[in-house]
Amino acid sequence: MINATEAALDEAGTRAAERLNTVDGADLQARVRAVQDQSLEQLGSFARSLQALMNGIQKR
């Protein structure tokens, strides 16, 4: 049982390492850029909402 578990873990580790070696740098860069762009959009939306709230408070 222990040997089977160790073998399965070794196989899973080997498959994971193989996947890491096949990462396309350009694809990864594009995905990171997309996440960064989305984060900037969300931050801008938050900032606009906060500004609208502050403007509403100042008018009172």
PDB file of N, CA and C in Angstrom:
ATOM      1  N   MET A   1       0.833  -1.197   0.000  1.00  0.00           N
ATOM      2  CA  MET A   1       0.000   0.000   0.000  1.00  0.00           C
ATOM      3  C   MET A   1       0.873   1.254   0.000  1.00  0.00           C
ATOM      4  N   ILE A   2       1.869   1.286   0.862  1.00  0.00           N
ATOM      5  CA  ILE A   2       2.752   2.450   0.938  1.00  0.00           C
ATOM      6  C   ILE A   2       3.527   2.607  -0.365  1.00  0.00           C
ATOM      7  N   ASN A   3       4.000   1.478  -0.908  1.00  0.00           N
ATOM      8  CA  ASN A   3       4.748   1.544  -2.163  1.00  0.00           C
ATOM      9  C   ASN A   3       3.877   2.068  -3.303  1.00  0.00           C
ATOM     10  N   ALA A   4       2.638   1.656  -3.336  1.00  0.00           N
ATOM     11  CA  ALA A   4       1.724   2.116  -4.381  1.00  0.00           C
ATOM     12  C   ALA A   4       1.471   3.614  -4.247  1.00  0.00           C
ATOM     13  N   THR A   5       1.314   4.075  -3.019  1.00  0.00           N
ATOM     14  CA  THR A   5       1.093   5.502  -2.775  1.00  0.00           C
ATOM     15  C   THR A   5       2.313   6.306  -3.189  1.00  0.00           C
ATOM     16  N   GLU A   6       3.490   5.839  -2.815  1.00  0.00           N
ATOM     17  CA  GLU A   6       4.722   6.539  -3.186  1.00  0.00           C
ATOM     18  C   GLU A   6       4.895   6.567  -4.699  1.00  0.00           C
ATOM     19  N   ALA A   7       4.573   5.475  -5.362  1.00  0.00           N
ATOM     20  CA  ALA A   7       4.686   5.422  -6.817  1.00  0.00           C
ATOM     21  C   ALA A   7       3.720   6.402  -7.472  1.00  0.00           C
ATOM     22  N   ALA A   8       2.513   6.474  -6.947  1.00  0.00           N
ATOM     23  CA  ALA A   8       1.520   7.405  -7.494  1.00  0.00           C
ATOM     24  C   ALA A   8       1.964   8.849  -7.289  1.00  0.00           C
ATOM     25  N   LEU A   9       2.519   9.144  -6.130  1.00  0.00           N
ATOM     26  CA  LEU A   9       3.013  10.494  -5.864  1.00  0.00           C
ATOM     27  C   LEU A   9       4.183  10.833  -6.770  1.00  0.00           C
ATOM     28  N   ASP A  10       5.079   9.877  -6.979  1.00  0.00           N
ATOM     29  CA  ASP A  10       6.212  10.104  -7.880  1.00  0.00           C
ATOM     30  C   ASP A  10       5.734  10.380  -9.297  1.00  0.00           C
ATOM     31  N   GLU A  11       4.750   9.600  -9.748  1.00  0.00           N
ATOM     32  CA  GLU A  11       4.211   9.787 -11.091  1.00  0.00           C
ATOM     33  C   GLU A  11       3.542  11.151 -11.227  1.00  0.00           C
ATOM     34  N   ALA A  12       2.786  11.542 -10.216  1.00  0.00           N
ATOM     35  CA  ALA A  12       2.124  12.848 -10.248  1.00  0.00           C
ATOM     36  C   ALA A  12       3.162  13.967 -10.270  1.00  0.00           C
ATOM     37  N   GLY A  13       4.216  13.805  -9.492  1.00  0.00           N
ATOM     38  CA  GLY A  13       5.286  14.801  -9.479  1.00  0.00           C
ATOM     39  C   GLY A  13       5.978  14.908 -10.820  1.00  0.00           C
ATOM     40  N   THR A  14       6.188  13.788 -11.465  1.00  0.00           N
ATOM     41  CA  THR A  14       6.819  13.782 -12.791  1.00  0.00           C
ATOM     42  C   THR A  14       5.934  14.478 -13.808  1.00  0.00           C
ATOM     43  N   ARG A  15       4.635  14.186 -13.773  1.00  0.00           N
ATOM     44  CA  ARG A  15       3.707  14.835 -14.710  1.00  0.00           C
ATOM     45  C   ARG A  15       3.651  16.339 -14.471  1.00  0.00           C
ATOM     46  N   ALA A  16       3.661  16.749 -13.212  1.00  0.00           N
ATOM     47  CA  ALA A  16       3.631  18.180 -12.903  1.00  0.00           C
ATOM     48  C   ALA A  16       4.898  18.864 -13.420  1.00  0.00           C
ATOM     49  N   ALA A  17       6.039  18.226 -13.243  1.00  0.00           N
ATOM     50  CA  ALA A  17       7.300  18.791 -13.724  1.00  0.00           C
ATOM     51  C   ALA A  17       7.296  18.902 -15.248  1.00  0.00           C
ATOM     52  N   GLU A  18       6.735  17.903 -15.921  1.00  0.00           N
ATOM     53  CA  GLU A  18       6.657  17.948 -17.384  1.00  0.00           C
ATOM     54  C   GLU A  18       5.778  19.107 -17.844  1.00  0.00           C
ATOM     55  N   ARG A  19       4.681  19.347 -17.146  1.00  0.00           N
ATOM     56  CA  ARG A  19       3.803  20.468 -17.507  1.00  0.00           C
ATOM     57  C   ARG A  19       4.521  21.790 -17.310  1.00  0.00           C
ATOM     58  N   LEU A  20       5.313  21.911 -16.251  1.00  0.00           N
ATOM     59  CA  LEU A  20       6.047  23.146 -16.015  1.00  0.00           C
ATOM     60  C   LEU A  20       7.058  23.410 -17.122  1.00  0.00           C
ATOM     61  N   ASN A  21       7.636  22.355 -17.651  1.00  0.00           N
ATOM     62  CA  ASN A  21       8.624  22.513 -18.710  1.00  0.00           C
ATOM     63  C   ASN A  21       7.999  22.869 -20.048  1.00  0.00           C
ATOM     64  N   THR A  22       6.688  22.749 -20.171  1.00  0.00           N
ATOM     65  CA  THR A  22       6.034  23.028 -21.445  1.00  0.00           C
ATOM     66  C   THR A  22       5.270  24.351 -21.419  1.00  0.00           C
ATOM     67  N   VAL A  23       5.538  25.196 -20.436  1.00  0.00           N
ATOM     68  CA  VAL A  23       4.855  26.489 -20.347  1.00  0.00           C
ATOM     69  C   VAL A  23       5.354  27.395 -21.464  1.00  0.00           C
ATOM     70  N   ASP A  24       4.433  27.973 -22.184  1.00  0.00           N
ATOM     71  CA  ASP A  24       4.753  28.907 -23.256  1.00  0.00           C
ATOM     72  C   ASP A  24       4.913  30.293 -22.638  1.00  0.00           C
ATOM     73  N   GLY A  25       6.118  30.818 -22.711  1.00  0.00           N
ATOM     74  CA  GLY A  25       6.405  32.112 -22.103  1.00  0.00           C
ATOM     75  C   GLY A  25       5.537  33.233 -22.638  1.00  0.00           C
ATOM     76  N   ALA A  26       5.309  33.244 -23.947  1.00  0.00           N
ATOM     77  CA  ALA A  26       4.486  34.295 -24.549  1.00  0.00           C
ATOM     78  C   ALA A  26       3.043  34.194 -24.067  1.00  0.00           C
ATOM     79  N   ASP A  27       2.533  32.966 -23.965  1.00  0.00           N
ATOM     80  CA  ASP A  27       1.168  32.764 -23.484  1.00  0.00           C
ATOM     81  C   ASP A  27       1.048  33.203 -22.022  1.00  0.00           C
ATOM     82  N   LEU A  28       2.023  32.835 -21.230  1.00  0.00           N
ATOM     83  CA  LEU A  28       2.013  33.227 -19.824  1.00  0.00           C
ATOM     84  C   LEU A  28       2.069  34.742 -19.690  1.00  0.00           C
ATOM     85  N   GLN A  29       2.916  35.384 -20.492  1.00  0.00           N
ATOM     86  CA  GLN A  29       3.025  36.839 -20.451  1.00  0.00           C
ATOM     87  C   GLN A  29       1.698  37.495 -20.832  1.00  0.00           C
ATOM     88  N   ALA A  30       1.029  36.955 -21.836  1.00  0.00           N
ATOM     89  CA  ALA A  30      -0.264  37.498 -22.261  1.00  0.00           C
ATOM     90  C   ALA A  30      -1.311  37.337 -21.161  1.00  0.00           C
ATOM     91  N   ARG A  31      -1.300  36.203 -20.492  1.00  0.00           N
ATOM     92  CA  ARG A  31      -2.268  35.973 -19.411  1.00  0.00           C
ATOM     93  C   ARG A  31      -2.012  36.906 -18.230  1.00  0.00           C
ATOM     94  N   VAL A  32      -0.741  37.092 -17.897  1.00  0.00           N
ATOM     95  CA  VAL A  32      -0.402  37.998 -16.794  1.00  0.00           C
ATOM     96  C   VAL A  32      -0.816  39.419 -17.150  1.00  0.00           C
ATOM     97  N   ARG A  33      -0.560  39.831 -18.382  1.00  0.00           N
ATOM     98  CA  ARG A  33      -0.949  41.174 -18.825  1.00  0.00           C
ATOM     99  C   ARG A  33      -2.468  41.340 -18.731  1.00  0.00           C
ATOM    100  N   ALA A  34      -3.222  40.329 -19.127  1.00  0.00           N
ATOM    101  CA  ALA A  34      -4.687  40.400 -19.067  1.00  0.00           C
ATOM    102  C   ALA A  34      -5.164  40.556 -17.621  1.00  0.00           C
ATOM    103  N   VAL A  35      -4.545  39.832 -16.705  1.00  0.00           N
ATOM    104  CA  VAL A  35      -4.919  39.941 -15.293  1.00  0.00           C
ATOM    105  C   VAL A  35      -4.556  41.329 -14.762  1.00  0.00           C
ATOM    106  N   GLN A  36      -3.396  41.835 -15.159  1.00  0.00           N
ATOM    107  CA  GLN A  36      -3.005  43.182 -14.734  1.00  0.00           C
ATOM    108  C   GLN A  36      -3.986  44.222 -15.267  1.00  0.00           C
ATOM    109  N   ASP A  37      -4.361  44.098 -16.536  1.00  0.00           N
ATOM    110  CA  ASP A  37      -5.315  45.041 -17.118  1.00  0.00           C
ATOM    111  C   ASP A  37      -6.653  44.988 -16.402  1.00  0.00           C
ATOM    112  N   GLN A  38      -7.109  43.779 -16.090  1.00  0.00           N
ATOM    113  CA  GLN A  38      -8.372  43.632 -15.378  1.00  0.00           C
ATOM    114  C   GLN A  38      -8.276  44.256 -13.980  1.00  0.00           C
ATOM    115  N   SER A  39      -7.149  44.071 -13.330  1.00  0.00           N
ATOM    116  CA  SER A  39      -6.954  44.648 -12.001  1.00  0.00           C
ATOM    117  C   SER A  39      -6.986  46.173 -12.064  1.00  0.00           C
ATOM    118  N   LEU A  40      -6.357  46.744 -13.090  1.00  0.00           N
ATOM    119  CA  LEU A  40      -6.373  48.197 -13.250  1.00  0.00           C
ATOM    120  C   LEU A  40      -7.783  48.715 -13.491  1.00  0.00           C
ATOM    121  N   GLU A  41      -8.562  47.989 -14.289  1.00  0.00           N
ATOM    122  CA  GLU A  41      -9.952  48.382 -14.534  1.00  0.00           C
ATOM    123  C   GLU A  41     -10.754  48.350 -13.235  1.00  0.00           C
ATOM    124  N   GLN A  42     -10.568  47.310 -12.439  1.00  0.00           N
ATOM    125  CA  GLN A  42     -11.294  47.197 -11.177  1.00  0.00           C
ATOM    126  C   GLN A  42     -10.873  48.294 -10.203  1.00  0.00           C
ATOM    127  N   LEU A  43      -9.589  48.589 -10.162  1.00  0.00           N
ATOM    128  CA  LEU A  43      -9.111  49.648  -9.281  1.00  0.00           C
ATOM    129  C   LEU A  43      -9.669  50.998  -9.714  1.00  0.00           C
ATOM    130  N   GLY A  44      -9.719  51.237 -11.032  1.00  0.00           N
ATOM    131  CA  GLY A  44     -10.291  52.481 -11.535  1.00  0.00           C
ATOM    132  C   GLY A  44     -11.763  52.601 -11.180  1.00  0.00           C
ATOM    133  N   SER A  45     -12.489  51.512 -11.298  1.00  0.00           N
ATOM    134  CA  SER A  45     -13.906  51.511 -10.942  1.00  0.00           C
ATOM    135  C   SER A  45     -14.088  51.798  -9.452  1.00  0.00           C
ATOM    136  N   PHE A  46     -13.255  51.182  -8.645  1.00  0.00           N
ATOM    137  CA  PHE A  46     -13.313  51.422  -7.199  1.00  0.00           C
ATOM    138  C   PHE A  46     -13.012  52.884  -6.889  1.00  0.00           C
ATOM    139  N   ALA A  47     -11.992  53.439  -7.535  1.00  0.00           N
ATOM    140  CA  ALA A  47     -11.611  54.835  -7.293  1.00  0.00           C
ATOM    141  C   ALA A  47     -12.741  55.785  -7.697  1.00  0.00           C
ATOM    142  N   ARG A  48     -13.383  55.503  -8.842  1.00  0.00           N
ATOM    143  CA  ARG A  48     -14.507  56.349  -9.271  1.00  0.00           C
ATOM    144  C   ARG A  48     -15.670  56.268  -8.290  1.00  0.00           C
ATOM    145  N   SER A  49     -15.953  55.092  -7.800  1.00  0.00           N
ATOM    146  CA  SER A  49     -17.033  54.925  -6.825  1.00  0.00           C
ATOM    147  C   SER A  49     -16.720  55.655  -5.530  1.00  0.00           C
ATOM    148  N   LEU A  50     -15.499  55.538  -5.097  1.00  0.00           N
ATOM    149  CA  LEU A  50     -15.077  56.215  -3.876  1.00  0.00           C
ATOM    150  C   LEU A  50     -15.145  57.732  -4.051  1.00  0.00           C
ATOM    151  N   GLN A  51     -14.721  58.220  -5.222  1.00  0.00           N
ATOM    152  CA  GLN A  51     -14.788  59.656  -5.486  1.00  0.00           C
ATOM    153  C   GLN A  51     -16.236  60.135  -5.491  1.00  0.00           C
ATOM    154  N   ALA A  52     -17.138  59.368  -6.105  1.00  0.00           N
ATOM    155  CA  ALA A  52     -18.554  59.736  -6.119  1.00  0.00           C
ATOM    156  C   ALA A  52     -19.113  59.769  -4.700  1.00  0.00           C
ATOM    157  N   LEU A  53     -18.712  58.818  -3.884  1.00  0.00           N
ATOM    158  CA  LEU A  53     -19.159  58.808  -2.493  1.00  0.00           C
ATOM    159  C   LEU A  53     -18.652  60.029  -1.749  1.00  0.00           C
ATOM    160  N   MET A  54     -17.382  60.344  -1.925  1.00  0.00           N
ATOM    161  CA  MET A  54     -16.807  61.505  -1.245  1.00  0.00           C
ATOM    162  C   MET A  54     -17.465  62.796  -1.718  1.00  0.00           C
ATOM    163  N   ASN A  55     -17.746  62.894  -3.002  1.00  0.00           N
ATOM    164  CA  ASN A  55     -18.433  64.080  -3.529  1.00  0.00           C
ATOM    165  C   ASN A  55     -19.830  64.219  -2.925  1.00  0.00           C
ATOM    166  N   GLY A  56     -20.511  63.110  -2.744  1.00  0.00           N
ATOM    167  CA  GLY A  56     -21.832  63.138  -2.132  1.00  0.00           C
ATOM    168  C   GLY A  56     -21.777  63.571  -0.686  1.00  0.00           C
ATOM    169  N   ILE A  57     -20.755  63.162   0.027  1.00  0.00           N
ATOM    170  CA  ILE A  57     -20.606  63.546   1.437  1.00  0.00           C
ATOM    171  C   ILE A  57     -20.284  65.028   1.532  1.00  0.00           C
ATOM    172  N   GLN A  58     -19.439  65.546   0.661  1.00  0.00           N
ATOM    173  CA  GLN A  58     -19.031  66.942   0.707  1.00  0.00           C
ATOM    174  C   GLN A  58     -20.189  67.885   0.403  1.00  0.00           C
ATOM    175  N   LYS A  59     -21.152  67.430  -0.402  1.00  0.00           N
ATOM    176  CA  LYS A  59     -22.286  68.283  -0.769  1.00  0.00           C
ATOM    177  C   LYS A  59     -23.266  68.443   0.378  1.00  0.00           C
ATOM    178  N   ARG A  60     -23.195  67.585   1.360  1.00  0.00           N
ATOM    179  CA  ARG A  60     -24.159  67.651   2.471  1.00  0.00           C
ATOM    180  C   ARG A  60     -23.795  68.689   3.404  1.00  0.00           C
TER     181      ARG A  60
END
